[in-house]
Each structure stands twice: as C-alpha cells, then as structure tokens.
Protein backbone atom coordinates (compact mmCIF):
# COMPACT_ATOMS: atom_id res chain seq x y z
CA MET A 1 -70.54 19.76 -29.78
CA VAL A 2 -72.08 17.59 -26.92
CA ARG A 3 -72.95 19.03 -23.61
CA VAL A 4 -72.71 17.00 -20.46
CA THR A 5 -73.36 17.63 -16.83
CA VAL A 6 -70.64 16.76 -14.50
CA ARG A 7 -71.28 15.93 -10.68
CA ILE A 8 -68.21 15.83 -8.50
CA GLY A 9 -68.86 14.68 -4.91
CA GLY A 10 -67.32 12.62 -2.13
CA GLY A 11 -64.37 14.96 -1.12
CA ILE A 12 -62.96 15.21 -4.57
CA GLY A 13 -61.11 18.35 -5.17
CA GLY A 14 -61.72 19.42 -1.58
CA HIS A 15 -65.53 19.55 -2.18
CA GLY A 16 -67.49 18.44 0.71
CA LYS A 17 -70.88 18.69 -1.18
CA VAL A 18 -71.79 17.55 -4.90
CA VAL A 19 -70.48 20.33 -7.23
CA SER A 20 -72.43 20.23 -10.60
CA THR A 21 -71.01 21.95 -13.88
CA MET A 22 -71.86 21.79 -17.56
CA MET A 23 -69.13 21.03 -19.99
CA GLU A 24 -68.90 21.15 -23.75
CA LEU A 25 -66.96 18.69 -25.64
CA GLU A 26 -66.21 17.39 -29.22
CA ASP A 27 -68.86 15.10 -30.53
CA THR A 28 -66.59 12.05 -30.44
CA ALA A 29 -65.47 12.78 -26.85
CA THR A 30 -65.01 9.55 -24.70
CA LEU A 31 -65.54 9.35 -21.09
CA ALA A 32 -61.64 8.89 -20.59
CA THR A 33 -61.22 12.32 -22.49
CA LEU A 34 -63.55 13.85 -20.07
CA LEU A 35 -61.79 12.25 -17.05
CA ASP A 36 -58.27 13.51 -18.53
CA MET A 37 -59.67 17.04 -18.78
CA LEU A 38 -60.95 16.78 -15.11
CA GLY A 39 -57.67 15.31 -13.92
CA ARG A 40 -55.81 18.62 -14.90
CA ASP A 41 -57.82 20.51 -12.29
CA LEU A 42 -58.33 17.57 -9.71
CA GLY A 43 -54.93 15.68 -10.06
CA GLU A 44 -54.44 12.87 -7.53
CA ASP A 45 -58.14 13.10 -6.39
CA LEU A 46 -59.28 11.58 -9.59
CA ARG A 47 -57.00 8.58 -9.39
CA ARG A 48 -58.80 5.21 -9.50
CA PRO A 49 -59.55 2.80 -7.81
CA TYR A 50 -60.43 5.64 -5.42
CA VAL A 51 -63.22 7.03 -7.37
CA VAL A 52 -66.47 5.63 -8.85
CA VAL A 53 -67.66 6.92 -12.17
CA ALA A 54 -71.11 6.67 -13.56
CA VAL A 55 -72.94 7.87 -16.68
CA ASN A 56 -76.54 8.33 -16.51
CA GLY A 57 -76.62 6.31 -13.13
CA ARG A 58 -74.61 3.27 -14.60
CA ARG A 59 -71.27 2.63 -13.12
CA VAL A 60 -68.59 2.55 -15.75
CA ALA A 61 -65.63 0.21 -15.16
CA ASP A 62 -62.20 1.63 -15.83
CA GLN A 63 -61.54 -0.33 -18.96
CA GLU A 64 -64.76 0.94 -20.63
CA SER A 65 -63.98 4.58 -20.26
CA CYS A 66 -61.88 4.73 -23.45
CA THR A 67 -64.53 3.32 -25.44
CA TRP A 68 -67.61 5.14 -23.70
CA ILE A 69 -68.62 7.83 -26.24
CA LEU A 70 -70.49 10.66 -24.36
CA ARG A 71 -73.77 11.91 -25.89
CA ASP A 72 -75.49 15.29 -25.44
CA GLY A 73 -77.25 15.32 -22.19
CA ASP A 74 -75.50 12.66 -20.39
CA VAL A 75 -74.82 13.18 -16.77
CA VAL A 76 -71.53 11.95 -15.35
CA ALA A 77 -71.04 11.46 -11.59
CA VAL A 78 -67.61 11.37 -10.37
CA VAL A 79 -67.69 10.29 -6.49
CA GLY A 80 -64.82 9.40 -4.13
CA ALA A 81 -64.91 5.84 -2.76
CA THR A 82 -65.68 5.51 0.87
CA ALA A 83 -65.11 2.51 3.32
CA GLY A 84 -66.87 1.90 6.52
CA GLY A 85 -68.51 -0.56 8.41
C-alpha cells in the first residue's frame, strides 16, 4: 500500500481553508486513480481546467495524470484555480 497526503483548498468541496487528509492506495495507483476517488466526493468542484493539481510541489498536466504513479509519502495538492487582476 502507498500512503499519500492529499491537500484540498481554494474553495473545492466548500472548504475555504486547506483540508489535509491521508489516503491509502494500491501500490500501482496513478494520480488519475486518486482524482477519480476524490471526484466521487467532490463532484463538479474537481473538474479541470478549474483546478490545479501538484505532486510534491510540481504541477501535473492533465495528460500526465494517467501515467503518474504515486509513491509512498507523496503530497498531492488540489487547488481551485482563481482569476483576478
């Protein structure tokens, strides 16, 4: 099993502050697998391009999420995109 920390913020799921949780996944779990799991709870809030996803501080493009294998100890951040000027 792989344990990853998931940090959700930026208004996703109605959370104004960053919410952090630990999740256990299969050893071969991809980022896309994790996002699908989160999507069951967060629904439309998790729809791209309205969110930015990063693993260990590195932004991960949508097309990379299917091949990005998560490793034990990874930190995944999911943040709602904001606009302003």
